[in-house]
Amino acid sequence: SIHTATHRGRLFKGVPISVSYPGCATPDQPDAEKNKSMVRASLGCPPSRKVVLITARFDPYKGHAVLLDSLARLREPDWECWIAGGAMVPSEQKVRDALEAQAGRLGIAGRIRWLGHRSDVLALCAAADVFCQPNVAPEPFGHVFVEAQAMGCPVVTTAMGGALENVETGGVNRLVPRPDAALVAEAMDQVLAEAVKTCPE
């Protein structure tokens, strides 16, 4: 990203740097609705329920804690959150343990699905209603934002880092000015409300 290039330029002064964005290969979806229903059914999720997704390693800067606080504020009554990703090292397991405790304190533990490591991130994106990763520090690029958009899943994230370059604005996506739970919840509610309005009868 340009964001990364700017910072690398400070380390390697005088060295030419160019930006080449990574591609995103998406599978053919001849029957997207059927595939969406299959993924949801495999997780025991009703078709009408609103699904919030995050697929990220358990690093505090990814904003999982802000996301949980935001979920507790949602006006949407029928939702669940899929958290994909496994703890790869002890420090990540500590973060996950803290997040589970946080979900319990917020009274939303029963609405959180801890999916662990997944190799079907694109399918999860296609089955979710909103991808929310409210970073508390800049993402170097954020390839998962590209994947979510490519699969038709609106993105809610913080306006910083790579997201400023790869999250399309002016449509269904939302860039919040800072990782504030109230702002993130409001953005998710807007996305979910718009999805209902544009849903075919």
C-alpha atoms as a PDB file:
ATOM      1  CA  SER A   1       0.000   0.000   0.000  1.00  0.00           C
ATOM      2  CA  ILE A   2       1.001   3.623  -0.293  1.00  0.00           C
ATOM      3  CA  HIS A   3       0.736   3.724   3.501  1.00  0.00           C
ATOM      4  CA  THR A   4       3.394   1.002   3.809  1.00  0.00           C
ATOM      5  CA  ALA A   5       5.575   2.530   1.113  1.00  0.00           C
ATOM      6  CA  THR A   6       5.564   5.861   2.920  1.00  0.00           C
ATOM      7  CA  HIS A   7       6.882   4.287   6.100  1.00  0.00           C
ATOM      8  CA  ARG A   8       9.391   2.061   4.328  1.00  0.00           C
ATOM      9  CA  GLY A   9      10.744   5.125   2.576  1.00  0.00           C
ATOM     10  CA  ARG A  10      11.849   6.489   5.923  1.00  0.00           C
ATOM     11  CA  LEU A  11      13.884   3.333   6.544  1.00  0.00           C
ATOM     12  CA  PHE A  12      15.449   3.095   3.090  1.00  0.00           C
ATOM     13  CA  LYS A  13      16.164   6.677   2.169  1.00  0.00           C
ATOM     14  CA  GLY A  14      17.057   7.227  -1.465  1.00  0.00           C
ATOM     15  CA  VAL A  15      15.834   3.766  -2.551  1.00  0.00           C
ATOM     16  CA  PRO A  16      13.075   3.917  -5.193  1.00  0.00           C
ATOM     17  CA  ILE A  17       9.823   2.366  -3.943  1.00  0.00           C
ATOM     18  CA  SER A  18       6.792   1.496  -6.017  1.00  0.00           C
ATOM     19  CA  VAL A  19       3.425   0.090  -4.968  1.00  0.00           C
ATOM     20  CA  SER A  20       1.967  -3.018  -6.557  1.00  0.00           C
ATOM     21  CA  TYR A  21      -1.378  -4.070  -5.104  1.00  0.00           C
ATOM     22  CA  PRO A  22      -1.992  -7.809  -4.640  1.00  0.00           C
ATOM     23  CA  GLY A  23      -4.787  -9.422  -6.606  1.00  0.00           C
ATOM     24  CA  CYS A  24      -7.764 -11.293  -5.237  1.00  0.00           C
ATOM     25  CA  ALA A  25      -8.794 -14.470  -7.018  1.00  0.00           C
ATOM     26  CA  THR A  26     -12.476 -15.148  -6.363  1.00  0.00           C
ATOM     27  CA  PRO A  27     -14.290 -18.402  -7.157  1.00  0.00           C
ATOM     28  CA  ASP A  28     -17.139 -18.600  -9.645  1.00  0.00           C
ATOM     29  CA  GLN A  29     -20.480 -18.459  -7.865  1.00  0.00           C
ATOM     30  CA  PRO A  30     -23.109 -19.843 -10.213  1.00  0.00           C
ATOM     31  CA  ASP A  31     -25.547 -20.097  -7.303  1.00  0.00           C
ATOM     32  CA  ALA A  32     -24.400 -17.609  -4.673  1.00  0.00           C
ATOM     33  CA  GLU A  33     -27.579 -17.843  -2.591  1.00  0.00           C
ATOM     34  CA  LYS A  34     -27.364 -21.625  -2.422  1.00  0.00           C
ATOM     35  CA  ASN A  35     -23.713 -21.461  -1.358  1.00  0.00           C
ATOM     36  CA  LYS A  36     -24.575 -18.848   1.272  1.00  0.00           C
ATOM     37  CA  SER A  37     -27.346 -21.047   2.633  1.00  0.00           C
ATOM     38  CA  MET A  38     -25.018 -24.059   2.762  1.00  0.00           C
ATOM     39  CA  VAL A  39     -22.368 -22.206   4.765  1.00  0.00           C
ATOM     40  CA  ARG A  40     -24.956 -20.866   7.195  1.00  0.00           C
ATOM     41  CA  ALA A  41     -26.606 -24.264   7.558  1.00  0.00           C
ATOM     42  CA  SER A  42     -23.233 -25.866   8.324  1.00  0.00           C
ATOM     43  CA  LEU A  43     -22.886 -23.443  11.237  1.00  0.00           C
ATOM     44  CA  GLY A  44     -26.489 -23.748  12.399  1.00  0.00           C
ATOM     45  CA  CYS A  45     -27.247 -20.151  11.497  1.00  0.00           C
ATOM     46  CA  PRO A  46     -30.825 -19.278  10.414  1.00  0.00           C
ATOM     47  CA  PRO A  47     -31.090 -17.708   6.931  1.00  0.00           C
ATOM     48  CA  SER A  48     -32.709 -14.509   8.243  1.00  0.00           C
ATOM     49  CA  ARG A  49     -30.162 -13.808  10.984  1.00  0.00           C
ATOM     50  CA  LYS A  50     -27.686 -10.981  10.425  1.00  0.00           C
ATOM     51  CA  VAL A  51     -24.080 -12.182  10.471  1.00  0.00           C
ATOM     52  CA  VAL A  52     -21.090 -10.041  11.416  1.00  0.00           C
ATOM     53  CA  LEU A  53     -17.739 -11.528  10.392  1.00  0.00           C
ATOM     54  CA  ILE A  54     -14.124 -10.918  11.302  1.00  0.00           C
ATOM     55  CA  THR A  55     -11.249 -13.072  10.060  1.00  0.00           C
ATOM     56  CA  ALA A  56      -8.015 -11.965  11.680  1.00  0.00           C
ATOM     57  CA  ARG A  57      -5.268 -13.225  13.916  1.00  0.00           C
ATOM     58  CA  PHE A  58      -5.639 -12.417  17.595  1.00  0.00           C
ATOM     59  CA  ASP A  59      -3.496  -9.294  17.647  1.00  0.00           C
ATOM     60  CA  PRO A  60      -4.888  -6.386  19.699  1.00  0.00           C
ATOM     61  CA  TYR A  61      -4.437  -3.924  16.825  1.00  0.00           C
ATOM     62  CA  LYS A  62      -6.988  -5.838  14.751  1.00  0.00           C
ATOM     63  CA  GLY A  63      -9.743  -4.397  16.940  1.00  0.00           C
ATOM     64  CA  HIS A  64     -11.526  -7.511  18.214  1.00  0.00           C
ATOM     65  CA  ALA A  65     -12.164  -5.835  21.582  1.00  0.00           C
ATOM     66  CA  VAL A  66     -13.714  -2.782  19.924  1.00  0.00           C
ATOM     67  CA  LEU A  67     -15.846  -5.086  17.783  1.00  0.00           C
ATOM     68  CA  LEU A  68     -17.250  -6.884  20.835  1.00  0.00           C
ATOM     69  CA  ASP A  69     -18.103  -3.582  22.515  1.00  0.00           C
ATOM     70  CA  SER A  70     -19.786  -2.500  19.276  1.00  0.00           C
ATOM     71  CA  LEU A  71     -21.827  -5.685  18.994  1.00  0.00           C
ATOM     72  CA  ALA A  72     -23.261  -5.102  22.456  1.00  0.00           C
ATOM     73  CA  ARG A  73     -24.580  -1.739  21.205  1.00  0.00           C
ATOM     74  CA  LEU A  74     -26.265  -2.939  17.995  1.00  0.00           C
ATOM     75  CA  ARG A  75     -29.885  -1.941  17.466  1.00  0.00           C
ATOM     76  CA  GLU A  76     -30.364  -4.947  15.158  1.00  0.00           C
ATOM     77  CA  PRO A  77     -32.062  -7.537  17.397  1.00  0.00           C
ATOM     78  CA  ASP A  78     -31.205 -10.778  15.576  1.00  0.00           C
ATOM     79  CA  TRP A  79     -27.477 -11.125  14.953  1.00  0.00           C
ATOM     80  CA  GLU A  80     -24.517 -13.349  15.567  1.00  0.00           C
ATOM     81  CA  CYS A  81     -20.805 -12.825  15.054  1.00  0.00           C
ATOM     82  CA  TRP A  82     -18.398 -15.258  13.427  1.00  0.00           C
ATOM     83  CA  ILE A  83     -14.808 -14.870  14.599  1.00  0.00           C
ATOM     84  CA  ALA A  84     -12.506 -16.847  12.333  1.00  0.00           C
ATOM     85  CA  GLY A  85      -8.865 -17.404  13.168  1.00  0.00           C
ATOM     86  CA  GLY A  86      -6.864 -19.575  15.498  1.00  0.00           C
ATOM     87  CA  ALA A  87      -4.383 -18.633  18.185  1.00  0.00           C
ATOM     88  CA  MET A  88      -0.996 -19.464  16.697  1.00  0.00           C
ATOM     89  CA  VAL A  89       1.220 -18.505  19.663  1.00  0.00           C
ATOM     90  CA  PRO A  90       0.680 -18.161  23.446  1.00  0.00           C
ATOM     91  CA  SER A  91       0.308 -14.372  23.229  1.00  0.00           C
ATOM     92  CA  GLU A  92      -2.567 -14.772  20.775  1.00  0.00           C
ATOM     93  CA  GLN A  93      -4.230 -17.330  23.036  1.00  0.00           C
ATOM     94  CA  LYS A  94      -4.103 -14.768  25.856  1.00  0.00           C
ATOM     95  CA  VAL A  95      -5.846 -12.250  23.618  1.00  0.00           C
ATOM     96  CA  ARG A  96      -8.522 -14.768  22.691  1.00  0.00           C
ATOM     97  CA  ASP A  97      -9.071 -15.734  26.336  1.00  0.00           C
ATOM     98  CA  ALA A  98      -9.486 -12.052  27.223  1.00  0.00           C
ATOM     99  CA  LEU A  99     -11.976 -11.610  24.393  1.00  0.00           C
ATOM    100  CA  GLU A 100     -14.058 -14.566  25.547  1.00  0.00           C
ATOM    101  CA  ALA A 101     -14.138 -13.079  29.039  1.00  0.00           C
ATOM    102  CA  GLN A 102     -15.131  -9.697  27.574  1.00  0.00           C
ATOM    103  CA  ALA A 103     -17.992 -11.287  25.616  1.00  0.00           C
ATOM    104  CA  GLY A 104     -19.201 -12.872  28.853  1.00  0.00           C
ATOM    105  CA  ARG A 105     -19.161  -9.552  30.704  1.00  0.00           C
ATOM    106  CA  LEU A 106     -21.078  -7.903  27.870  1.00  0.00           C
ATOM    107  CA  GLY A 107     -23.728 -10.631  27.906  1.00  0.00           C
ATOM    108  CA  ILE A 108     -23.173 -11.583  24.256  1.00  0.00           C
ATOM    109  CA  ALA A 109     -21.173 -14.804  24.654  1.00  0.00           C
ATOM    110  CA  GLY A 110     -24.031 -16.882  23.255  1.00  0.00           C
ATOM    111  CA  ARG A 111     -24.023 -14.874  20.027  1.00  0.00           C
ATOM    112  CA  ILE A 112     -20.319 -15.317  19.295  1.00  0.00           C
ATOM    113  CA  ARG A 113     -19.105 -18.250  17.215  1.00  0.00           C
ATOM    114  CA  TRP A 114     -15.385 -18.940  17.573  1.00  0.00           C
ATOM    115  CA  LEU A 115     -14.675 -20.685  14.283  1.00  0.00           C
ATOM    116  CA  GLY A 116     -10.954 -21.309  14.734  1.00  0.00           C
ATOM    117  CA  HIS A 117      -8.682 -21.613  11.721  1.00  0.00           C
ATOM    118  CA  ARG A 118     -10.629 -21.663   8.442  1.00  0.00           C
ATOM    119  CA  SER A 119      -9.519 -22.289   4.889  1.00  0.00           C
ATOM    120  CA  ASP A 120     -12.809 -21.015   3.430  1.00  0.00           C
ATOM    121  CA  VAL A 121     -12.573 -17.281   4.219  1.00  0.00           C
ATOM    122  CA  LEU A 122     -14.087 -16.289   0.867  1.00  0.00           C
ATOM    123  CA  ALA A 123     -17.101 -18.531   1.472  1.00  0.00           C
ATOM    124  CA  LEU A 124     -17.543 -17.030   4.946  1.00  0.00           C
ATOM    125  CA  CYS A 125     -17.418 -13.530   3.448  1.00  0.00           C
ATOM    126  CA  ALA A 126     -20.066 -14.474   0.897  1.00  0.00           C
ATOM    127  CA  ALA A 127     -22.310 -15.829   3.659  1.00  0.00           C
ATOM    128  CA  ALA A 128     -21.961 -12.853   6.029  1.00  0.00           C
ATOM    129  CA  ASP A 129     -23.897  -9.570   6.023  1.00  0.00           C
ATOM    130  CA  VAL A 130     -21.042  -7.324   7.112  1.00  0.00           C
ATOM    131  CA  PHE A 131     -17.302  -7.721   7.602  1.00  0.00           C
ATOM    132  CA  CYS A 132     -16.170  -5.636  10.572  1.00  0.00           C
ATOM    133  CA  GLN A 133     -12.542  -5.215  11.620  1.00  0.00           C
ATOM    134  CA  PRO A 134     -12.260  -1.917  13.525  1.00  0.00           C
ATOM    135  CA  ASN A 135      -8.485  -1.615  13.628  1.00  0.00           C
ATOM    136  CA  VAL A 136      -6.975   0.387  16.463  1.00  0.00           C
ATOM    137  CA  ALA A 137      -3.716   0.816  14.504  1.00  0.00           C
ATOM    138  CA  PRO A 138      -3.122   1.066  10.739  1.00  0.00           C
ATOM    139  CA  GLU A 139      -3.353  -2.071   8.625  1.00  0.00           C
ATOM    140  CA  PRO A 140      -0.336  -2.314   6.248  1.00  0.00           C
ATOM    141  CA  PHE A 141      -2.709  -3.319   3.445  1.00  0.00           C
ATOM    142  CA  GLY A 142      -5.678  -5.390   4.625  1.00  0.00           C
ATOM    143  CA  HIS A 143      -6.150  -8.025   1.932  1.00  0.00           C
ATOM    144  CA  VAL A 144      -9.198  -9.391   3.734  1.00  0.00           C
ATOM    145  CA  PHE A 145     -11.018  -6.115   3.038  1.00  0.00           C
ATOM    146  CA  VAL A 146     -10.510  -6.768  -0.669  1.00  0.00           C
ATOM    147  CA  GLU A 147     -11.697 -10.373  -0.272  1.00  0.00           C
ATOM    148  CA  ALA A 148     -14.852  -9.336   1.568  1.00  0.00           C
ATOM    149  CA  GLN A 149     -15.763  -6.714  -1.043  1.00  0.00           C
ATOM    150  CA  ALA A 150     -15.028  -9.146  -3.874  1.00  0.00           C
ATOM    151  CA  MET A 151     -17.531 -11.582  -2.348  1.00  0.00           C
ATOM    152  CA  GLY A 152     -20.198  -8.882  -1.982  1.00  0.00           C
ATOM    153  CA  CYS A 153     -19.826  -8.409   1.766  1.00  0.00           C
ATOM    154  CA  PRO A 154     -19.884  -4.773   2.981  1.00  0.00           C
ATOM    155  CA  VAL A 155     -16.893  -3.670   5.057  1.00  0.00           C
ATOM    156  CA  VAL A 156     -16.855  -1.604   8.229  1.00  0.00           C
ATOM    157  CA  THR A 157     -13.396  -0.610   9.418  1.00  0.00           C
ATOM    158  CA  THR A 158     -11.364   2.302  10.694  1.00  0.00           C
ATOM    159  CA  ALA A 159     -10.221   5.069   8.347  1.00  0.00           C
ATOM    160  CA  MET A 160      -6.507   4.464   8.588  1.00  0.00           C
ATOM    161  CA  GLY A 161      -3.701   2.594   6.857  1.00  0.00           C
ATOM    162  CA  GLY A 162      -4.353   0.374   3.867  1.00  0.00           C
ATOM    163  CA  ALA A 163      -8.117   0.547   4.304  1.00  0.00           C
ATOM    164  CA  LEU A 164      -8.048   4.109   2.954  1.00  0.00           C
ATOM    165  CA  GLU A 165      -6.760   2.677  -0.320  1.00  0.00           C
ATOM    166  CA  ASN A 166      -8.699  -0.546  -0.776  1.00  0.00           C
ATOM    167  CA  VAL A 167     -12.131  -0.002   0.802  1.00  0.00           C
ATOM    168  CA  GLU A 168     -14.474   1.615  -1.711  1.00  0.00           C
ATOM    169  CA  THR A 169     -16.422   4.562  -0.340  1.00  0.00           C
ATOM    170  CA  GLY A 170     -19.674   6.147  -1.414  1.00  0.00           C
ATOM    171  CA  GLY A 171     -21.574   2.857  -1.348  1.00  0.00           C
ATOM    172  CA  VAL A 172     -22.300   0.108   1.163  1.00  0.00           C
ATOM    173  CA  ASN A 173     -18.966   0.207   2.996  1.00  0.00           C
ATOM    174  CA  ARG A 174     -18.268   2.392   6.025  1.00  0.00           C
ATOM    175  CA  LEU A 175     -14.985   3.903   7.197  1.00  0.00           C
ATOM    176  CA  VAL A 176     -15.323   5.162  10.752  1.00  0.00           C
ATOM    177  CA  PRO A 177     -13.040   8.044  11.802  1.00  0.00           C
ATOM    178  CA  ARG A 178     -11.669   6.256  14.871  1.00  0.00           C
ATOM    179  CA  PRO A 179     -12.036   2.885  16.625  1.00  0.00           C
ATOM    180  CA  ASP A 180     -14.923   3.979  18.817  1.00  0.00           C
ATOM    181  CA  ALA A 181     -17.498   1.335  19.764  1.00  0.00           C
ATOM    182  CA  ALA A 182     -20.483   3.667  19.384  1.00  0.00           C
ATOM    183  CA  LEU A 183     -19.361   4.796  15.917  1.00  0.00           C
ATOM    184  CA  VAL A 184     -18.646   1.253  14.778  1.00  0.00           C
ATOM    185  CA  ALA A 185     -22.036   0.030  16.025  1.00  0.00           C
ATOM    186  CA  GLU A 186     -23.782   2.875  14.232  1.00  0.00           C
ATOM    187  CA  ALA A 187     -21.947   2.039  10.997  1.00  0.00           C
ATOM    188  CA  MET A 188     -22.873  -1.644  11.250  1.00  0.00           C
ATOM    189  CA  ASP A 189     -26.512  -0.805  11.942  1.00  0.00           C
ATOM    190  CA  GLN A 190     -26.542   1.425   8.854  1.00  0.00           C
ATOM    191  CA  VAL A 191     -25.086  -1.328   6.685  1.00  0.00           C
ATOM    192  CA  LEU A 192     -27.524  -3.927   8.003  1.00  0.00           C
ATOM    193  CA  ALA A 193     -30.501  -1.589   7.566  1.00  0.00           C
ATOM    194  CA  GLU A 194     -29.500  -0.803   3.970  1.00  0.00           C
ATOM    195  CA  ALA A 195     -29.105  -4.502   3.227  1.00  0.00           C
ATOM    196  CA  VAL A 196     -32.732  -5.044   4.286  1.00  0.00           C
ATOM    197  CA  LYS A 197     -33.948  -2.179   2.064  1.00  0.00           C
ATOM    198  CA  THR A 198     -32.145  -3.483  -1.015  1.00  0.00           C
ATOM    199  CA  CYS A 199     -33.142  -7.111  -0.465  1.00  0.00           C
ATOM    200  CA  PRO A 200     -35.448  -8.402  -3.240  1.00  0.00           C
ATOM    201  CA  GLU A 201     -38.987  -9.167  -2.140  1.00  0.00           C
END
